[in-house]
Amino acid sequence: MAFISRARRTFTGPFPPCSYLASIRLSSTLTSPKLFISGLPRETTDEQFQEAFYPFGQIVEAKVVRDRATGRSKGFGFVTYTSIEEAEKAREEMNAKFLHGWVIFVDPAKPREYRPPPQRPESGPSESGFRTNKTVGWCGYNST
């Protein structure tokens, strides 16, 4: 048994791989009081989300991101605190913890990247007065 324990320490080093990766993840400092939380259960409401992060400081906004079509949670959200210190405390306390039976991960939020709107071809009225929509067929009568 001692041989197996010694061999395991030889291959993994002084830190188990999980705690080593967790220490790397937490070593970066925050530059913004906004946090990105992933791994949320689909049933989590905005109120439950805010309540889970409330003990660590004053929250400016806590929002679970939802699908536009179905209204279901996408499994992630954002929490904004009034100070970076409060956000850092929440990150240290809540990262890799259970929330409603699921393990959540807390990371710094990255600024949103600009994406140009998709280019769509112009579709004007046809000879019959109907506008054509290439994906559906026709959209209705055009009175012009």
N, C-alpha and C. Protein backbone atom coordinates (compact mmCIF):
# COMPACT_ATOMS: atom_id res chain seq x y z
N MET A 1 0.82 -1.20 0.00
CA MET A 1 0.00 0.00 0.00
C MET A 1 0.86 1.25 0.00
N ALA A 2 1.96 1.23 0.74
CA ALA A 2 2.84 2.38 0.82
C ALA A 2 3.48 2.66 -0.54
N PHE A 3 3.77 1.58 -1.30
CA PHE A 3 4.36 1.74 -2.62
C PHE A 3 3.41 2.49 -3.56
N ILE A 4 2.14 2.14 -3.52
CA ILE A 4 1.14 2.79 -4.38
C ILE A 4 1.01 4.26 -4.02
N SER A 5 1.00 4.55 -2.74
CA SER A 5 0.90 5.94 -2.28
C SER A 5 2.11 6.75 -2.72
N ARG A 6 3.32 6.17 -2.60
CA ARG A 6 4.55 6.85 -3.01
C ARG A 6 4.57 7.06 -4.53
N ALA A 7 4.12 6.07 -5.28
CA ALA A 7 4.09 6.18 -6.75
C ALA A 7 3.11 7.26 -7.18
N ARG A 8 1.97 7.33 -6.52
CA ARG A 8 0.98 8.34 -6.86
C ARG A 8 1.55 9.75 -6.63
N ARG A 9 2.25 9.95 -5.51
CA ARG A 9 2.87 11.25 -5.23
C ARG A 9 3.95 11.58 -6.24
N THR A 10 4.66 10.57 -6.73
CA THR A 10 5.71 10.80 -7.72
C THR A 10 5.14 11.34 -9.02
N PHE A 11 4.02 10.75 -9.46
CA PHE A 11 3.43 11.16 -10.74
C PHE A 11 2.61 12.43 -10.65
N THR A 12 1.97 12.68 -9.53
CA THR A 12 1.10 13.85 -9.42
C THR A 12 1.80 15.05 -8.81
N GLY A 13 2.94 14.87 -8.19
CA GLY A 13 3.64 15.98 -7.56
C GLY A 13 3.02 16.29 -6.21
N PRO A 14 3.38 17.44 -5.63
CA PRO A 14 2.90 17.77 -4.29
C PRO A 14 1.41 18.10 -4.26
N PHE A 15 0.83 18.48 -5.41
CA PHE A 15 -0.58 18.84 -5.45
C PHE A 15 -1.34 17.84 -6.32
N PRO A 16 -2.53 17.41 -5.90
CA PRO A 16 -3.34 16.61 -6.81
C PRO A 16 -3.71 17.47 -8.02
N PRO A 17 -3.92 16.86 -9.20
CA PRO A 17 -4.18 17.63 -10.41
C PRO A 17 -5.37 18.57 -10.29
N CYS A 18 -6.42 18.16 -9.60
CA CYS A 18 -7.61 19.01 -9.51
C CYS A 18 -7.32 20.29 -8.74
N SER A 19 -6.65 20.17 -7.60
CA SER A 19 -6.38 21.37 -6.81
C SER A 19 -5.35 22.26 -7.50
N TYR A 20 -4.42 21.67 -8.25
CA TYR A 20 -3.44 22.45 -8.99
C TYR A 20 -4.14 23.30 -10.06
N LEU A 21 -5.06 22.69 -10.81
CA LEU A 21 -5.79 23.43 -11.83
C LEU A 21 -6.69 24.49 -11.21
N ALA A 22 -7.28 24.18 -10.08
CA ALA A 22 -8.12 25.15 -9.39
C ALA A 22 -7.29 26.34 -8.91
N SER A 23 -6.06 26.09 -8.46
CA SER A 23 -5.23 27.20 -8.00
C SER A 23 -4.82 28.09 -9.17
N ILE A 24 -4.58 27.51 -10.34
CA ILE A 24 -4.27 28.32 -11.52
C ILE A 24 -5.47 29.17 -11.89
N ARG A 25 -6.65 28.57 -11.85
CA ARG A 25 -7.88 29.27 -12.22
C ARG A 25 -8.13 30.46 -11.30
N LEU A 26 -7.82 30.33 -10.00
CA LEU A 26 -8.07 31.40 -9.05
C LEU A 26 -6.92 32.40 -8.92
N SER A 27 -5.77 32.10 -9.54
CA SER A 27 -4.61 32.96 -9.34
C SER A 27 -4.73 34.31 -10.05
N SER A 28 -5.51 34.38 -11.12
CA SER A 28 -5.62 35.66 -11.83
C SER A 28 -6.48 36.62 -11.02
N THR A 29 -6.13 37.90 -11.07
CA THR A 29 -6.88 38.89 -10.32
C THR A 29 -7.97 39.49 -11.20
N LEU A 30 -9.02 39.92 -10.57
CA LEU A 30 -10.14 40.52 -11.29
C LEU A 30 -9.82 41.95 -11.68
N THR A 31 -10.31 42.36 -12.84
CA THR A 31 -10.16 43.76 -13.27
C THR A 31 -11.51 44.44 -13.35
N SER A 32 -12.58 43.70 -13.10
CA SER A 32 -13.93 44.22 -13.17
C SER A 32 -14.77 43.56 -12.09
N PRO A 33 -15.79 44.24 -11.56
CA PRO A 33 -16.63 43.61 -10.54
C PRO A 33 -17.70 42.69 -11.11
N LYS A 34 -17.61 42.36 -12.41
CA LYS A 34 -18.60 41.50 -13.05
C LYS A 34 -18.05 40.08 -13.15
N LEU A 35 -18.89 39.10 -12.74
CA LEU A 35 -18.51 37.69 -12.76
C LEU A 35 -19.38 36.91 -13.73
N PHE A 36 -18.79 35.89 -14.35
CA PHE A 36 -19.49 34.96 -15.23
C PHE A 36 -19.64 33.66 -14.48
N ILE A 37 -20.87 33.18 -14.35
CA ILE A 37 -21.13 31.95 -13.60
C ILE A 37 -21.68 30.92 -14.57
N SER A 38 -21.01 29.78 -14.68
CA SER A 38 -21.46 28.71 -15.58
C SER A 38 -21.83 27.48 -14.76
N GLY A 39 -22.58 26.58 -15.39
CA GLY A 39 -22.99 25.35 -14.73
C GLY A 39 -24.27 25.48 -13.93
N LEU A 40 -25.05 26.51 -14.21
CA LEU A 40 -26.30 26.72 -13.45
C LEU A 40 -27.36 25.69 -13.83
N PRO A 41 -28.15 25.26 -12.87
CA PRO A 41 -29.28 24.39 -13.19
C PRO A 41 -30.30 25.14 -14.06
N ARG A 42 -31.00 24.44 -14.92
CA ARG A 42 -31.97 25.06 -15.83
C ARG A 42 -33.14 25.71 -15.11
N GLU A 43 -33.43 25.26 -13.88
CA GLU A 43 -34.58 25.78 -13.15
C GLU A 43 -34.26 27.02 -12.32
N THR A 44 -33.01 27.47 -12.30
CA THR A 44 -32.62 28.60 -11.46
C THR A 44 -33.29 29.89 -11.93
N THR A 45 -33.93 30.59 -11.00
CA THR A 45 -34.56 31.88 -11.32
C THR A 45 -33.58 33.00 -10.98
N ASP A 46 -33.87 34.20 -11.47
CA ASP A 46 -33.03 35.37 -11.16
C ASP A 46 -33.00 35.63 -9.65
N GLU A 47 -34.12 35.43 -8.97
CA GLU A 47 -34.20 35.66 -7.54
C GLU A 47 -33.32 34.67 -6.77
N GLN A 48 -33.39 33.38 -7.13
CA GLN A 48 -32.56 32.37 -6.48
C GLN A 48 -31.07 32.63 -6.73
N PHE A 49 -30.77 33.06 -7.95
CA PHE A 49 -29.40 33.36 -8.35
C PHE A 49 -28.85 34.52 -7.51
N GLN A 50 -29.63 35.57 -7.38
CA GLN A 50 -29.22 36.73 -6.60
C GLN A 50 -29.08 36.35 -5.13
N GLU A 51 -29.99 35.55 -4.62
CA GLU A 51 -29.95 35.13 -3.23
C GLU A 51 -28.69 34.32 -2.91
N ALA A 52 -28.22 33.51 -3.86
CA ALA A 52 -27.02 32.70 -3.64
C ALA A 52 -25.76 33.55 -3.55
N PHE A 53 -25.72 34.67 -4.27
CA PHE A 53 -24.52 35.51 -4.29
C PHE A 53 -24.63 36.75 -3.39
N TYR A 54 -25.77 36.93 -2.74
CA TYR A 54 -26.00 38.08 -1.88
C TYR A 54 -25.06 38.17 -0.68
N PRO A 55 -24.68 37.06 -0.03
CA PRO A 55 -23.86 37.15 1.19
C PRO A 55 -22.47 37.76 1.00
N PHE A 56 -22.01 37.92 -0.21
CA PHE A 56 -20.63 38.35 -0.44
C PHE A 56 -20.48 39.83 -0.71
N GLY A 57 -21.58 40.56 -0.82
CA GLY A 57 -21.49 42.00 -1.04
C GLY A 57 -22.75 42.55 -1.69
N GLN A 58 -22.71 43.84 -1.96
CA GLN A 58 -23.87 44.51 -2.56
C GLN A 58 -23.89 44.24 -4.07
N ILE A 59 -25.00 43.67 -4.53
CA ILE A 59 -25.14 43.28 -5.92
C ILE A 59 -25.80 44.40 -6.70
N VAL A 60 -25.19 44.77 -7.82
CA VAL A 60 -25.77 45.75 -8.73
C VAL A 60 -26.76 45.05 -9.65
N GLU A 61 -26.36 43.88 -10.18
CA GLU A 61 -27.23 43.12 -11.09
C GLU A 61 -26.86 41.64 -11.01
N ALA A 62 -27.87 40.79 -11.01
CA ALA A 62 -27.69 39.34 -11.08
C ALA A 62 -28.70 38.83 -12.10
N LYS A 63 -28.21 38.26 -13.18
CA LYS A 63 -29.10 37.88 -14.28
C LYS A 63 -28.73 36.50 -14.81
N VAL A 64 -29.72 35.63 -14.90
CA VAL A 64 -29.57 34.34 -15.55
C VAL A 64 -29.90 34.56 -17.03
N VAL A 65 -29.01 34.11 -17.92
CA VAL A 65 -29.23 34.29 -19.35
C VAL A 65 -30.22 33.23 -19.83
N ARG A 66 -31.23 33.68 -20.58
CA ARG A 66 -32.31 32.80 -21.04
C ARG A 66 -32.39 32.77 -22.56
N ASP A 67 -32.89 31.66 -23.07
CA ASP A 67 -33.12 31.51 -24.50
C ASP A 67 -34.30 32.38 -24.90
N ARG A 68 -34.16 33.13 -25.98
CA ARG A 68 -35.24 34.03 -26.40
C ARG A 68 -36.51 33.29 -26.81
N ALA A 69 -36.35 32.17 -27.48
CA ALA A 69 -37.51 31.45 -28.00
C ALA A 69 -38.26 30.69 -26.91
N THR A 70 -37.54 29.98 -26.06
CA THR A 70 -38.20 29.11 -25.07
C THR A 70 -38.31 29.74 -23.69
N GLY A 71 -37.45 30.70 -23.38
CA GLY A 71 -37.45 31.30 -22.05
C GLY A 71 -36.72 30.48 -21.01
N ARG A 72 -36.15 29.34 -21.42
CA ARG A 72 -35.40 28.48 -20.50
C ARG A 72 -34.01 29.03 -20.27
N SER A 73 -33.46 28.74 -19.11
CA SER A 73 -32.10 29.16 -18.78
C SER A 73 -31.12 28.48 -19.73
N LYS A 74 -30.08 29.21 -20.11
CA LYS A 74 -29.02 28.63 -20.94
C LYS A 74 -27.93 27.98 -20.09
N GLY A 75 -28.06 28.07 -18.77
CA GLY A 75 -27.10 27.42 -17.89
C GLY A 75 -25.96 28.32 -17.44
N PHE A 76 -26.06 29.62 -17.71
CA PHE A 76 -25.04 30.54 -17.22
C PHE A 76 -25.67 31.88 -16.92
N GLY A 77 -24.91 32.72 -16.21
CA GLY A 77 -25.43 34.03 -15.84
C GLY A 77 -24.29 34.96 -15.44
N PHE A 78 -24.67 36.19 -15.09
CA PHE A 78 -23.70 37.21 -14.71
C PHE A 78 -24.12 37.86 -13.40
N VAL A 79 -23.14 38.16 -12.55
CA VAL A 79 -23.37 38.89 -11.31
C VAL A 79 -22.41 40.07 -11.31
N THR A 80 -22.95 41.27 -11.04
CA THR A 80 -22.12 42.47 -10.95
C THR A 80 -22.21 43.01 -9.52
N TYR A 81 -21.05 43.20 -8.90
CA TYR A 81 -20.97 43.75 -7.56
C TYR A 81 -20.57 45.23 -7.63
N THR A 82 -20.65 45.92 -6.49
CA THR A 82 -20.28 47.33 -6.46
C THR A 82 -18.76 47.52 -6.42
N SER A 83 -18.02 46.50 -5.95
CA SER A 83 -16.56 46.64 -5.90
C SER A 83 -15.89 45.34 -6.35
N ILE A 84 -14.64 45.48 -6.75
CA ILE A 84 -13.86 44.32 -7.18
C ILE A 84 -13.57 43.40 -5.99
N GLU A 85 -13.39 43.96 -4.81
CA GLU A 85 -13.11 43.15 -3.62
C GLU A 85 -14.27 42.21 -3.31
N GLU A 86 -15.49 42.72 -3.42
CA GLU A 86 -16.67 41.87 -3.19
C GLU A 86 -16.75 40.76 -4.24
N ALA A 87 -16.47 41.11 -5.48
CA ALA A 87 -16.51 40.11 -6.55
C ALA A 87 -15.44 39.04 -6.33
N GLU A 88 -14.26 39.45 -5.89
CA GLU A 88 -13.18 38.49 -5.61
C GLU A 88 -13.58 37.55 -4.47
N LYS A 89 -14.21 38.08 -3.45
CA LYS A 89 -14.65 37.26 -2.33
C LYS A 89 -15.71 36.24 -2.79
N ALA A 90 -16.66 36.68 -3.60
CA ALA A 90 -17.68 35.78 -4.12
C ALA A 90 -17.05 34.71 -5.00
N ARG A 91 -16.08 35.09 -5.78
CA ARG A 91 -15.41 34.14 -6.67
C ARG A 91 -14.69 33.06 -5.87
N GLU A 92 -13.98 33.47 -4.82
CA GLU A 92 -13.26 32.50 -3.98
C GLU A 92 -14.21 31.56 -3.25
N GLU A 93 -15.32 32.09 -2.76
CA GLU A 93 -16.26 31.29 -1.96
C GLU A 93 -17.18 30.40 -2.79
N MET A 94 -17.55 30.83 -3.99
CA MET A 94 -18.56 30.11 -4.76
C MET A 94 -18.01 29.24 -5.90
N ASN A 95 -16.76 29.41 -6.27
CA ASN A 95 -16.20 28.64 -7.38
C ASN A 95 -16.14 27.16 -7.02
N ALA A 96 -16.63 26.31 -7.90
CA ALA A 96 -16.65 24.86 -7.75
C ALA A 96 -17.49 24.42 -6.55
N LYS A 97 -18.54 25.16 -6.24
CA LYS A 97 -19.47 24.81 -5.16
C LYS A 97 -20.79 24.34 -5.77
N PHE A 98 -21.61 23.72 -4.95
CA PHE A 98 -22.91 23.24 -5.40
C PHE A 98 -23.96 24.34 -5.28
N LEU A 99 -24.77 24.50 -6.30
CA LEU A 99 -25.93 25.39 -6.26
C LEU A 99 -27.10 24.59 -6.81
N HIS A 100 -28.07 24.29 -5.95
CA HIS A 100 -29.24 23.49 -6.30
C HIS A 100 -28.85 22.14 -6.91
N GLY A 101 -27.79 21.53 -6.37
CA GLY A 101 -27.39 20.20 -6.81
C GLY A 101 -26.42 20.18 -7.98
N TRP A 102 -26.04 21.30 -8.52
CA TRP A 102 -25.11 21.36 -9.66
C TRP A 102 -23.85 22.10 -9.23
N VAL A 103 -22.71 21.70 -9.78
CA VAL A 103 -21.44 22.38 -9.51
C VAL A 103 -21.36 23.60 -10.43
N ILE A 104 -21.14 24.76 -9.83
CA ILE A 104 -21.04 25.99 -10.62
C ILE A 104 -19.58 26.46 -10.64
N PHE A 105 -19.24 27.21 -11.68
CA PHE A 105 -17.89 27.76 -11.82
C PHE A 105 -18.01 29.27 -11.98
N VAL A 106 -17.17 29.98 -11.24
CA VAL A 106 -17.21 31.44 -11.22
C VAL A 106 -15.90 31.96 -11.82
N ASP A 107 -16.02 32.74 -12.88
CA ASP A 107 -14.87 33.30 -13.58
C ASP A 107 -15.09 34.79 -13.82
N PRO A 108 -14.01 35.52 -14.11
CA PRO A 108 -14.19 36.93 -14.47
C PRO A 108 -14.96 37.03 -15.78
N ALA A 109 -15.85 38.00 -15.87
CA ALA A 109 -16.60 38.21 -17.11
C ALA A 109 -15.69 38.92 -18.11
N LYS A 110 -15.74 38.47 -19.35
CA LYS A 110 -14.96 39.11 -20.41
C LYS A 110 -15.84 40.12 -21.12
N PRO A 111 -15.26 41.20 -21.64
CA PRO A 111 -16.08 42.16 -22.39
C PRO A 111 -16.64 41.51 -23.65
N ARG A 112 -17.82 41.93 -24.00
CA ARG A 112 -18.49 41.37 -25.17
C ARG A 112 -17.77 41.82 -26.44
N GLU A 113 -17.52 40.88 -27.33
CA GLU A 113 -16.85 41.20 -28.59
C GLU A 113 -17.87 41.73 -29.59
N TYR A 114 -17.44 42.72 -30.37
CA TYR A 114 -18.31 43.27 -31.39
C TYR A 114 -18.42 42.28 -32.54
N ARG A 115 -19.65 42.02 -32.96
CA ARG A 115 -19.90 41.19 -34.14
C ARG A 115 -20.75 41.99 -35.09
N PRO A 116 -20.29 42.15 -36.33
CA PRO A 116 -21.11 42.89 -37.28
C PRO A 116 -22.39 42.12 -37.59
N PRO A 117 -23.48 42.84 -37.86
CA PRO A 117 -24.72 42.14 -38.18
C PRO A 117 -24.57 41.34 -39.46
N PRO A 118 -25.27 40.22 -39.59
CA PRO A 118 -25.15 39.39 -40.79
C PRO A 118 -25.66 40.15 -42.02
N GLN A 119 -25.00 39.93 -43.13
CA GLN A 119 -25.41 40.56 -44.39
C GLN A 119 -26.55 39.75 -45.01
N ARG A 120 -27.65 40.42 -45.26
CA ARG A 120 -28.81 39.75 -45.87
C ARG A 120 -29.11 40.40 -47.21
N PRO A 121 -29.42 39.60 -48.21
CA PRO A 121 -29.75 40.18 -49.50
C PRO A 121 -31.10 40.89 -49.45
N GLU A 122 -31.21 41.97 -50.20
CA GLU A 122 -32.47 42.71 -50.28
C GLU A 122 -33.51 41.86 -51.02
N SER A 123 -34.69 41.79 -50.47
CA SER A 123 -35.77 41.09 -51.19
C SER A 123 -36.95 42.04 -51.29
N GLY A 124 -37.11 42.60 -52.42
CA GLY A 124 -38.20 43.54 -52.66
C GLY A 124 -39.44 42.83 -53.17
N PRO A 125 -40.48 43.60 -53.50
CA PRO A 125 -41.69 42.98 -54.01
C PRO A 125 -41.45 42.39 -55.41
N SER A 126 -42.10 41.29 -55.68
CA SER A 126 -41.99 40.65 -57.00
C SER A 126 -43.02 41.25 -57.94
N GLU A 127 -43.10 40.72 -59.14
CA GLU A 127 -44.05 41.23 -60.14
C GLU A 127 -45.49 41.08 -59.68
N SER A 128 -45.77 40.07 -58.87
CA SER A 128 -47.14 39.83 -58.42
C SER A 128 -47.52 40.68 -57.22
N GLY A 129 -46.56 41.42 -56.65
CA GLY A 129 -46.85 42.26 -55.51
C GLY A 129 -46.54 41.61 -54.17
N PHE A 130 -46.08 40.37 -54.20
CA PHE A 130 -45.72 39.67 -52.96
C PHE A 130 -44.23 39.78 -52.72
N ARG A 131 -43.86 39.96 -51.45
CA ARG A 131 -42.45 39.90 -51.10
C ARG A 131 -42.07 38.45 -50.92
N THR A 132 -40.91 38.09 -51.41
CA THR A 132 -40.48 36.70 -51.26
C THR A 132 -39.47 36.59 -50.12
N ASN A 133 -39.58 35.54 -49.40
CA ASN A 133 -38.64 35.21 -48.34
C ASN A 133 -38.05 33.88 -48.74
N LYS A 134 -36.77 33.82 -48.96
CA LYS A 134 -36.12 32.62 -49.50
C LYS A 134 -36.28 31.41 -48.58
N THR A 135 -36.42 31.62 -47.27
CA THR A 135 -36.51 30.47 -46.37
C THR A 135 -37.94 29.96 -46.21
N VAL A 136 -38.94 30.82 -46.33
CA VAL A 136 -40.31 30.41 -46.09
C VAL A 136 -41.09 30.30 -47.39
N GLY A 137 -40.87 31.17 -48.32
CA GLY A 137 -41.61 31.14 -49.58
C GLY A 137 -42.18 32.51 -49.86
N TRP A 138 -43.12 32.96 -49.05
CA TRP A 138 -43.66 34.32 -49.20
C TRP A 138 -44.08 34.84 -47.84
N CYS A 139 -44.05 36.14 -47.67
CA CYS A 139 -44.33 36.75 -46.37
C CYS A 139 -45.65 37.49 -46.33
N GLY A 140 -46.26 37.74 -47.43
CA GLY A 140 -47.51 38.46 -47.40
C GLY A 140 -47.60 39.44 -48.57
N TYR A 141 -48.71 40.10 -48.65
CA TYR A 141 -48.98 41.01 -49.75
C TYR A 141 -48.36 42.37 -49.48
N ASN A 142 -47.72 42.92 -50.50
CA ASN A 142 -47.12 44.24 -50.38
C ASN A 142 -48.04 45.23 -51.12
N SER A 143 -48.56 46.22 -50.44
CA SER A 143 -49.55 47.13 -51.01
C SER A 143 -48.93 48.21 -51.88
N THR A 144 -47.64 48.30 -51.99
CA THR A 144 -47.03 49.35 -52.81
C THR A 144 -46.97 48.99 -54.26
